[in-house]
Amino acid sequence: MTPTHLTMSVDNQFRLVQFSCVKEGHVRPTDAAATLGIGDRQFRRAYKTWQEKGNASLIHGLCGKPSNNTPDAAFKKAVIAAYREKYKGFGPSFAAEKLAKIDGLVISPSALRLWLAQTGEWNIGQRIAPPPHRSRRERKPRFGQMVQMDGSPHDWFSGRNPLLPMLNLMVMVDDATSIVHARLSPTEDAHAVYSVFREWAVKYGLPESLYVDKAGIYIVNEAPSVEQEVNGKTPETQFARSMRELAVNIIHAHSPQAKGRVERMNQTLQDRLVKELTLVGISDIDAANKFIAEIFLPEFNAKFQIAAAESTDAHRTVAQGLPQGKSLDDVLAFEELRVVAQDWCVRWDNRIFQITEKSRFLRLPTRQIIVRKKLDGKIEIVHGKAPIAMVEVFCRPKKPPQTLAERLAHHKPPTKPARDHRWRQDAA
């Protein structure tokens, strides 16, 4: 007769030792039950079963058999087929969401991960060495106390639009709640930063501070000029000037790890948002921004945002933060100083603007004014706090004669009346 081999776990082997000690009289049943961490009645039932059925009774009856909750082969085959057809490259958690929401195939992420690993669709991989120890900064306690902002360049359309192989996603993440706002733009420039900040301000309000990197949009990385040093002025970018007017403090991170929350969010969006855009077949910026604002972000924030430690909202309303006499569009604009010429013209960006508002109280020639370009492209000339009427001209007005020779050249001699002119007739 072939001997039977039993495979026991360490716990079962330890239980077998206790049963053997009780059988030989070395240990009392009460002490053995306490050693095993079970009740006295439970120990006696298990001990009796062991005496009747032997060592095989120590092994669970379902050991080596499929679980009662194991799905049938047809369901597993349908899940794998749907994954290969529509969700190739999706992570197990994200794929499980889409399988349940779109295909009606409800599967846990852990089970899907195991199935994909068995079929070779997903590589679990080996654990890498842990990174060096860093002390994680605690989240800010209030919503709007600090918002992290960063640009994420990526192929957001997965090559479906050859004219837009690389776009920038401006991402804002609240430090306390992980609420996200994002907007696609061709490049990471001041216009893109202004646009995404304006949408955040209109929706939530003005945050207390912004946590950004040291890109040229946020900070002037060049040394100040001699004139600035003499006048005690610190050079600032257009965006920094706007935040100063709105009383929003800008904090500059010294490393990518310092603003890790938005950096990790960029990686998450490069995975989830790219796949969402692929599923709906969007490949242009306007449609993508509409999808992000109306569908993606509400679902994403509802799923991943957390409650702040304090219920107080640190945001200020836009009306509370605006300078007197300015609108939000006036502040979130590009401003440059220019000098008005003697002919009441202003040259800016190779364009000429003729000031048409003239009065005896307005003495603008040789004085500095502000040329303001808003996000919608509208241009204003501002003196003091109010815009001045002007029109764009495509050539400078002719200057009046200055020298004597120029005046003589433009001088017209008086016209002598004809003999039959009525003035001569009256004189006669």
Protein backbone atom coordinates (compact mmCIF):
# COMPACT_ATOMS: atom_id res chain seq x y z
CA MET A 1 0.00 0.00 0.00
CA THR A 2 1.38 3.40 -0.97
CA PRO A 3 1.83 5.68 2.09
CA THR A 4 -0.17 8.89 2.15
CA HIS A 5 1.78 12.13 2.42
CA LEU A 6 0.10 15.09 4.17
CA THR A 7 1.26 18.68 3.72
CA MET A 8 0.67 20.66 6.90
CA SER A 9 1.16 24.29 7.72
CA VAL A 10 3.25 25.36 10.69
CA ASP A 11 0.10 25.99 12.74
CA ASN A 12 -1.23 22.51 12.04
CA GLN A 13 2.09 20.97 12.94
CA PHE A 14 2.11 22.87 16.24
CA ARG A 15 -1.48 21.67 16.94
CA LEU A 16 -0.37 18.07 16.25
CA VAL A 17 2.42 18.44 18.84
CA GLN A 18 -0.05 19.67 21.48
CA PHE A 19 -2.46 16.81 20.74
CA SER A 20 0.39 14.28 21.04
CA CYS A 21 1.50 15.76 24.38
CA VAL A 22 -2.07 15.51 25.75
CA LYS A 23 -2.39 11.91 24.51
CA GLU A 24 0.86 10.92 26.24
CA GLY A 25 -0.21 12.70 29.43
CA HIS A 26 2.54 15.32 29.45
CA VAL A 27 0.16 18.29 29.14
CA ARG A 28 -3.34 18.87 30.46
CA PRO A 29 -6.07 19.67 27.88
CA THR A 30 -6.74 23.04 29.54
CA ASP A 31 -3.08 24.09 29.27
CA ALA A 32 -2.87 22.89 25.65
CA ALA A 33 -5.99 24.89 24.75
CA ALA A 34 -4.46 28.02 26.31
CA THR A 35 -1.22 27.43 24.39
CA LEU A 36 -3.12 27.17 21.11
CA GLY A 37 -5.21 30.24 21.95
CA ILE A 38 -8.58 28.46 21.67
CA GLY A 39 -11.33 27.63 24.11
CA ASP A 40 -11.39 24.43 26.19
CA ARG A 41 -14.55 23.07 24.50
CA GLN A 42 -13.14 23.79 21.04
CA PHE A 43 -9.93 21.98 21.94
CA ARG A 44 -11.79 18.92 23.19
CA ARG A 45 -13.89 18.70 20.00
CA ALA A 46 -10.80 18.99 17.79
CA TYR A 47 -8.90 16.49 19.94
CA LYS A 48 -11.75 13.97 19.70
CA THR A 49 -11.90 14.37 15.92
CA TRP A 50 -8.13 13.85 15.72
CA GLN A 51 -8.39 10.60 17.74
CA GLU A 52 -11.13 9.33 15.41
CA LYS A 53 -9.78 10.42 11.96
CA GLY A 54 -6.08 10.84 12.55
CA ASN A 55 -3.73 13.56 11.28
CA ALA A 56 -5.83 14.22 8.17
CA SER A 57 -8.45 15.92 10.38
CA LEU A 58 -6.00 18.76 11.06
CA ILE A 59 -6.10 19.86 7.41
CA HIS A 60 -9.06 21.93 6.22
CA GLY A 61 -11.52 20.01 4.08
CA LEU A 62 -11.32 22.55 1.20
CA CYS A 63 -7.53 22.49 1.04
CA GLY A 64 -6.47 21.88 -2.56
CA LYS A 65 -10.01 22.37 -3.88
CA PRO A 66 -11.35 25.40 -5.77
CA SER A 67 -13.13 28.04 -3.71
CA ASN A 68 -16.92 28.13 -3.66
CA ASN A 69 -16.70 31.78 -4.80
CA THR A 70 -14.58 31.01 -7.87
CA PRO A 71 -16.30 32.49 -10.96
CA ASP A 72 -17.03 30.19 -13.83
CA ALA A 73 -14.68 29.87 -16.77
CA ALA A 74 -17.05 31.73 -19.12
CA PHE A 75 -17.00 34.85 -16.93
CA LYS A 76 -13.21 34.80 -16.69
CA LYS A 77 -12.95 34.37 -20.45
CA ALA A 78 -15.30 37.34 -21.03
CA VAL A 79 -13.28 39.57 -18.68
CA ILE A 80 -9.95 38.73 -20.33
CA ALA A 81 -11.43 39.22 -23.81
CA ALA A 82 -12.91 42.64 -22.90
CA TYR A 83 -9.59 43.70 -21.38
CA ARG A 84 -7.63 42.70 -24.47
CA GLU A 85 -10.10 44.40 -26.79
CA LYS A 86 -10.65 47.78 -25.07
CA TYR A 87 -8.47 48.18 -22.00
CA LYS A 88 -5.06 46.96 -23.08
CA GLY A 89 -2.44 48.64 -20.89
CA PHE A 90 -4.92 49.74 -18.21
CA GLY A 91 -3.91 49.06 -14.63
CA PRO A 92 -5.97 46.41 -12.77
CA SER A 93 -7.76 48.95 -10.57
CA PHE A 94 -8.65 51.29 -13.44
CA ALA A 95 -9.59 48.40 -15.72
CA ALA A 96 -11.87 46.93 -13.04
CA GLU A 97 -13.69 50.27 -12.83
CA LYS A 98 -14.27 50.41 -16.58
CA LEU A 99 -15.26 46.75 -16.84
CA ALA A 100 -17.95 47.27 -14.20
CA LYS A 101 -19.14 50.65 -15.49
CA ILE A 102 -19.12 50.07 -19.25
CA ASP A 103 -19.27 46.29 -19.76
CA GLY A 104 -21.19 45.23 -16.63
CA LEU A 105 -18.44 42.75 -15.65
CA VAL A 106 -17.96 43.22 -11.90
CA ILE A 107 -14.55 41.97 -10.79
CA SER A 108 -12.32 43.01 -7.91
CA PRO A 109 -8.97 44.66 -8.79
CA SER A 110 -7.04 41.96 -6.88
CA ALA A 111 -8.74 39.11 -8.77
CA LEU A 112 -8.26 40.90 -12.09
CA ARG A 113 -4.59 41.50 -11.28
CA LEU A 114 -4.13 37.75 -10.61
CA TRP A 115 -5.91 36.75 -13.84
CA LEU A 116 -3.92 39.21 -15.93
CA ALA A 117 -0.67 37.99 -14.38
CA GLN A 118 -1.62 34.38 -15.19
CA THR A 119 -2.30 35.24 -18.84
CA GLY A 120 0.76 37.47 -19.16
CA GLU A 121 -1.27 40.65 -19.72
CA TRP A 122 0.09 42.32 -16.60
CA ASN A 123 3.59 42.08 -15.14
CA ILE A 124 3.51 42.37 -11.38
CA GLY A 125 7.28 42.83 -11.35
CA GLN A 126 9.76 42.66 -8.53
CA ARG A 127 10.01 45.02 -5.62
CA ILE A 128 12.77 47.56 -6.01
CA ALA A 129 14.94 48.87 -3.22
CA PRO A 130 13.16 51.47 -1.12
CA PRO A 131 14.12 55.10 -1.76
CA PRO A 132 16.04 57.07 0.86
CA HIS A 133 14.04 58.15 3.87
CA ARG A 134 12.21 61.48 3.60
CA SER A 135 10.00 63.16 6.15
CA ARG A 136 6.58 63.75 4.61
CA ARG A 137 5.08 67.15 5.26
CA GLU A 138 1.65 67.14 6.84
CA ARG A 139 -1.23 68.34 4.70
CA LYS A 140 -2.52 71.84 5.23
CA PRO A 141 -5.59 71.72 7.49
CA ARG A 142 -7.93 73.91 5.40
CA PHE A 143 -9.19 73.81 1.85
CA GLY A 144 -7.55 76.60 -0.16
CA GLN A 145 -4.75 77.26 2.32
CA MET A 146 -2.19 76.06 -0.23
CA VAL A 147 -2.72 74.92 -3.83
CA GLN A 148 0.06 73.22 -5.77
CA MET A 149 0.34 74.01 -9.47
CA ASP A 150 2.48 72.48 -12.21
CA GLY A 151 2.51 71.79 -15.93
CA SER A 152 2.57 68.25 -17.31
CA PRO A 153 3.84 67.90 -20.93
CA HIS A 154 2.69 64.65 -22.49
CA ASP A 155 1.17 63.07 -25.61
CA TRP A 156 -2.35 63.35 -24.24
CA PHE A 157 -4.02 62.15 -27.46
CA SER A 158 -1.81 59.05 -27.82
CA GLY A 159 -0.74 59.97 -31.34
CA ARG A 160 -4.28 60.37 -32.70
CA ASN A 161 -3.57 63.99 -33.68
CA PRO A 162 -0.22 64.26 -35.51
CA LEU A 163 -0.48 68.07 -35.46
CA LEU A 164 -0.51 68.03 -31.64
CA PRO A 165 2.04 65.39 -30.63
CA MET A 166 2.86 67.06 -27.33
CA LEU A 167 0.52 69.20 -25.21
CA ASN A 168 0.70 70.66 -21.74
CA LEU A 169 -1.81 69.98 -18.97
CA MET A 170 -1.83 72.68 -16.29
CA VAL A 171 -2.75 70.95 -13.03
CA MET A 172 -3.82 72.52 -9.73
CA VAL A 173 -4.15 70.31 -6.62
CA ASP A 174 -5.41 71.48 -3.25
CA ASP A 175 -3.00 70.37 -0.54
CA ALA A 176 -5.68 69.68 2.09
CA THR A 177 -8.31 67.82 0.06
CA SER A 178 -6.54 66.69 -3.15
CA ILE A 179 -9.25 68.41 -5.21
CA VAL A 180 -7.93 68.72 -8.78
CA HIS A 181 -8.50 71.21 -11.55
CA ALA A 182 -6.78 70.90 -14.92
CA ARG A 183 -6.78 72.45 -18.39
CA LEU A 184 -5.02 71.50 -21.63
CA SER A 185 -2.98 74.09 -23.53
CA PRO A 186 -0.47 73.99 -26.40
CA THR A 187 2.46 74.94 -24.15
CA GLU A 188 3.23 75.80 -20.55
CA ASP A 189 3.26 79.58 -20.74
CA ALA A 190 1.84 82.53 -18.83
CA HIS A 191 -1.41 82.43 -20.81
CA ALA A 192 -1.99 78.79 -19.79
CA VAL A 193 -1.19 79.55 -16.14
CA TYR A 194 -3.51 82.58 -16.14
CA SER A 195 -6.34 80.55 -17.71
CA VAL A 196 -6.26 77.64 -15.27
CA PHE A 197 -5.89 79.96 -12.26
CA ARG A 198 -8.85 82.05 -13.43
CA GLU A 199 -11.05 78.95 -13.67
CA TRP A 200 -10.01 77.90 -10.15
CA ALA A 201 -10.69 81.40 -8.77
CA VAL A 202 -14.13 81.59 -10.37
CA LYS A 203 -15.09 78.10 -9.12
CA TYR A 204 -13.55 78.03 -5.63
CA GLY A 205 -12.16 81.52 -4.88
CA LEU A 206 -8.68 82.93 -4.31
CA PRO A 207 -6.35 80.59 -2.38
CA GLU A 208 -4.04 81.83 0.33
CA SER A 209 -0.90 80.56 -1.41
CA LEU A 210 0.36 78.81 -4.53
CA TYR A 211 3.13 76.20 -4.38
CA VAL A 212 5.04 76.26 -7.70
CA ASP A 213 8.49 75.51 -9.06
CA LYS A 214 11.11 78.03 -10.18
CA ALA A 215 10.14 78.20 -13.85
CA GLY A 216 10.45 81.54 -15.62
CA ILE A 217 6.67 81.97 -15.51
CA TYR A 218 6.70 82.32 -11.73
CA ILE A 219 10.07 83.85 -10.88
CA VAL A 220 12.72 85.98 -12.61
CA ASN A 221 15.86 83.85 -12.58
CA GLU A 222 18.13 86.68 -13.80
CA ALA A 223 19.95 89.14 -11.59
CA PRO A 224 18.23 92.55 -11.18
CA SER A 225 19.44 95.44 -13.29
CA VAL A 226 21.44 98.33 -11.88
CA GLU A 227 18.41 100.61 -12.06
CA GLN A 228 16.29 98.09 -10.14
CA GLU A 229 18.96 97.72 -7.48
CA VAL A 230 19.26 101.49 -7.08
CA ASN A 231 15.50 101.90 -6.78
CA GLY A 232 15.21 98.90 -4.46
CA LYS A 233 12.83 97.04 -6.81
CA THR A 234 12.69 93.29 -7.13
CA PRO A 235 12.05 92.06 -10.70
CA GLU A 236 8.89 90.02 -11.03
CA THR A 237 7.08 88.15 -13.77
CA GLN A 238 3.65 89.02 -15.11
CA PHE A 239 2.08 86.20 -13.09
CA ALA A 240 3.92 87.22 -9.91
CA ARG A 241 2.67 90.78 -10.34
CA SER A 242 -0.91 89.53 -10.71
CA MET A 243 -0.65 87.37 -7.58
CA ARG A 244 0.77 90.32 -5.64
CA GLU A 245 -2.23 92.42 -6.62
CA LEU A 246 -4.58 89.62 -5.54
CA ALA A 247 -2.64 89.07 -2.27
CA VAL A 248 -1.94 85.42 -3.16
CA ASN A 249 1.38 84.29 -1.72
CA ILE A 250 3.68 82.38 -4.09
CA ILE A 251 5.90 79.67 -2.56
CA HIS A 252 8.73 78.33 -4.72
CA ALA A 253 9.70 74.66 -4.33
CA HIS A 254 13.40 73.85 -4.33
CA SER A 255 12.97 70.33 -5.74
CA PRO A 256 10.33 68.20 -7.50
CA GLN A 257 10.01 66.08 -4.34
CA ALA A 258 8.91 69.15 -2.39
CA LYS A 259 5.74 69.42 -4.50
CA GLY A 260 5.27 65.69 -4.68
CA ARG A 261 1.49 65.84 -4.45
CA VAL A 262 1.06 67.54 -7.82
CA GLU A 263 3.93 65.51 -9.33
CA ARG A 264 2.19 62.26 -8.38
CA MET A 265 -1.09 63.65 -9.67
CA ASN A 266 0.58 64.32 -13.04
CA GLN A 267 1.56 60.65 -13.25
CA THR A 268 -1.97 59.56 -12.35
CA LEU A 269 -3.53 61.82 -14.98
CA GLN A 270 -1.04 60.70 -17.62
CA ASP A 271 -2.44 57.22 -17.08
CA ARG A 272 -6.17 57.76 -16.42
CA LEU A 273 -6.91 60.88 -18.48
CA VAL A 274 -5.08 59.57 -21.55
CA LYS A 275 -7.13 56.37 -21.47
CA GLU A 276 -10.39 58.26 -20.85
CA LEU A 277 -9.72 60.50 -23.87
CA THR A 278 -8.93 57.42 -25.93
CA LEU A 279 -12.20 55.73 -24.94
CA VAL A 280 -14.31 58.72 -26.03
CA GLY A 281 -12.17 59.36 -29.13
CA ILE A 282 -11.30 63.02 -28.41
CA SER A 283 -8.27 64.46 -30.22
CA ASP A 284 -8.58 68.28 -30.10
CA ILE A 285 -7.95 70.75 -27.29
CA ASP A 286 -11.38 72.42 -27.06
CA ALA A 287 -13.30 69.15 -26.91
CA ALA A 288 -10.77 67.74 -24.44
CA ASN A 289 -11.10 70.73 -22.09
CA LYS A 290 -14.90 70.47 -22.20
CA PHE A 291 -14.70 66.74 -21.40
CA ILE A 292 -12.21 67.36 -18.58
CA ALA A 293 -14.31 70.10 -16.96
CA GLU A 294 -17.77 68.54 -17.35
CA ILE A 295 -17.18 64.79 -17.05
CA PHE A 296 -13.69 63.72 -16.02
CA LEU A 297 -12.93 66.07 -13.11
CA PRO A 298 -16.32 65.77 -11.33
CA GLU A 299 -16.03 61.96 -11.34
CA PHE A 300 -12.32 62.04 -10.45
CA ASN A 301 -12.74 64.45 -7.52
CA ALA A 302 -15.79 62.59 -6.21
CA LYS A 303 -13.73 59.41 -6.11
CA PHE A 304 -10.37 60.62 -4.81
CA GLN A 305 -10.86 63.82 -2.81
CA ILE A 306 -10.55 63.61 0.98
CA ALA A 307 -11.99 65.65 3.81
CA ALA A 308 -9.85 68.51 5.16
CA ALA A 309 -8.78 68.44 8.80
CA GLU A 310 -10.71 71.67 9.37
CA SER A 311 -14.06 72.54 7.80
CA THR A 312 -13.22 76.24 7.35
CA ASP A 313 -12.62 77.28 3.73
CA ALA A 314 -9.47 79.39 3.40
CA HIS A 315 -10.45 80.78 0.00
CA ARG A 316 -11.38 84.44 -0.37
CA THR A 317 -14.02 85.49 -2.83
CA VAL A 318 -12.81 87.18 -5.99
CA ALA A 319 -14.52 90.42 -4.94
CA GLN A 320 -12.62 90.42 -1.64
CA GLY A 321 -9.22 90.05 -3.30
CA LEU A 322 -9.55 92.45 -6.23
CA PRO A 323 -7.80 95.85 -6.13
CA GLN A 324 -10.13 98.82 -6.20
CA GLY A 325 -11.36 99.68 -9.67
CA LYS A 326 -10.12 96.45 -11.28
CA SER A 327 -11.86 93.31 -12.44
CA LEU A 328 -10.41 89.80 -12.39
CA ASP A 329 -9.73 90.02 -16.13
CA ASP A 330 -7.85 93.30 -15.55
CA VAL A 331 -5.56 91.67 -13.00
CA LEU A 332 -4.99 88.42 -14.90
CA ALA A 333 -3.57 90.25 -17.90
CA PHE A 334 -0.22 91.18 -19.41
CA GLU A 335 0.90 94.73 -18.59
CA GLU A 336 3.86 96.75 -19.87
CA LEU A 337 4.95 100.36 -19.36
CA ARG A 338 5.22 102.56 -22.43
CA VAL A 339 5.92 106.28 -23.04
CA VAL A 340 3.44 108.37 -25.03
CA ALA A 341 5.06 110.14 -27.97
CA GLN A 342 4.50 113.80 -28.89
CA ASP A 343 1.96 112.78 -31.53
CA TRP A 344 -0.10 110.95 -28.84
CA CYS A 345 0.88 107.57 -30.22
CA VAL A 346 2.01 104.48 -28.30
CA ARG A 347 4.11 101.75 -29.88
CA TRP A 348 3.75 98.25 -28.44
CA ASP A 349 4.59 94.84 -29.89
CA ASN A 350 5.29 96.41 -33.34
CA ARG A 351 1.82 97.96 -33.29
CA ILE A 352 0.86 101.64 -33.08
CA PHE A 353 -2.07 102.96 -31.07
CA GLN A 354 -3.36 106.52 -31.43
CA ILE A 355 -4.87 108.01 -28.29
CA THR A 356 -8.11 109.74 -29.24
CA GLU A 357 -9.19 110.96 -25.82
CA LYS A 358 -7.83 114.50 -25.52
CA SER A 359 -8.73 117.26 -23.09
CA ARG A 360 -7.09 120.26 -21.49
CA PHE A 361 -6.68 118.21 -18.29
CA LEU A 362 -4.89 115.33 -20.02
CA ARG A 363 -1.18 115.85 -20.62
CA LEU A 364 0.06 112.45 -21.80
CA PRO A 365 2.96 113.08 -24.19
CA THR A 366 6.31 112.01 -22.65
CA ARG A 367 4.47 110.35 -19.76
CA GLN A 368 4.31 106.65 -18.91
CA ILE A 369 1.12 104.68 -19.42
CA ILE A 370 0.24 100.97 -19.15
CA VAL A 371 -0.55 98.80 -22.14
CA ARG A 372 -2.74 95.92 -20.94
CA LYS A 373 -3.49 92.79 -22.98
CA LYS A 374 -6.25 90.58 -21.58
CA LEU A 375 -6.63 86.83 -21.97
CA ASP A 376 -9.25 87.28 -24.70
CA GLY A 377 -6.76 89.36 -26.75
CA LYS A 378 -8.37 92.74 -26.02
CA ILE A 379 -5.83 95.60 -25.62
CA GLU A 380 -6.29 98.64 -23.38
CA ILE A 381 -4.21 101.72 -22.65
CA VAL A 382 -4.52 102.66 -19.00
CA HIS A 383 -3.57 105.92 -17.33
CA GLY A 384 -4.10 105.92 -13.59
CA LYS A 385 -6.92 103.45 -13.02
CA ALA A 386 -9.09 104.07 -16.08
CA PRO A 387 -8.66 102.99 -19.70
CA ILE A 388 -8.15 105.72 -22.31
CA ALA A 389 -9.92 105.81 -25.66
CA MET A 390 -7.61 104.83 -28.51
CA VAL A 391 -7.57 103.27 -31.96
CA GLU A 392 -4.96 101.19 -33.70
CA VAL A 393 -3.30 102.80 -36.69
CA PHE A 394 -1.06 101.19 -39.24
CA CYS A 395 1.26 104.16 -39.79
CA ARG A 396 2.27 107.09 -37.68
CA PRO A 397 0.53 110.46 -38.34
CA LYS A 398 2.71 112.88 -40.23
CA LYS A 399 4.63 115.19 -37.96
CA PRO A 400 4.06 118.95 -38.36
CA PRO A 401 6.97 120.95 -39.88
CA GLN A 402 9.66 121.68 -37.32
CA THR A 403 12.48 123.68 -39.03
CA LEU A 404 12.12 126.93 -41.00
CA ALA A 405 12.97 125.17 -44.24
CA GLU A 406 10.25 122.57 -43.58
CA ARG A 407 7.71 125.28 -42.79
CA LEU A 408 8.63 127.22 -45.96
CA ALA A 409 8.35 124.06 -48.02
CA HIS A 410 4.83 123.50 -46.71
CA HIS A 411 3.90 127.22 -46.91
CA LYS A 412 1.33 128.11 -49.54
CA PRO A 413 1.46 131.69 -50.97
CA PRO A 414 -1.78 133.68 -50.80
CA THR A 415 -4.10 133.32 -53.76
CA LYS A 416 -4.71 136.58 -55.72
CA PRO A 417 -8.41 137.08 -56.56
CA ALA A 418 -9.39 137.25 -60.20
CA ARG A 419 -10.35 140.55 -61.81
CA ASP A 420 -14.03 139.65 -61.88
CA HIS A 421 -14.04 138.60 -58.19
CA ARG A 422 -16.76 140.29 -56.23
CA TRP A 423 -14.31 141.68 -53.73
CA ARG A 424 -12.65 143.72 -56.52
CA GLN A 425 -16.00 144.79 -57.82
CA ASP A 426 -16.98 146.10 -54.40
CA ALA A 427 -13.68 147.98 -54.15
CA ALA A 428 -14.30 149.62 -57.50
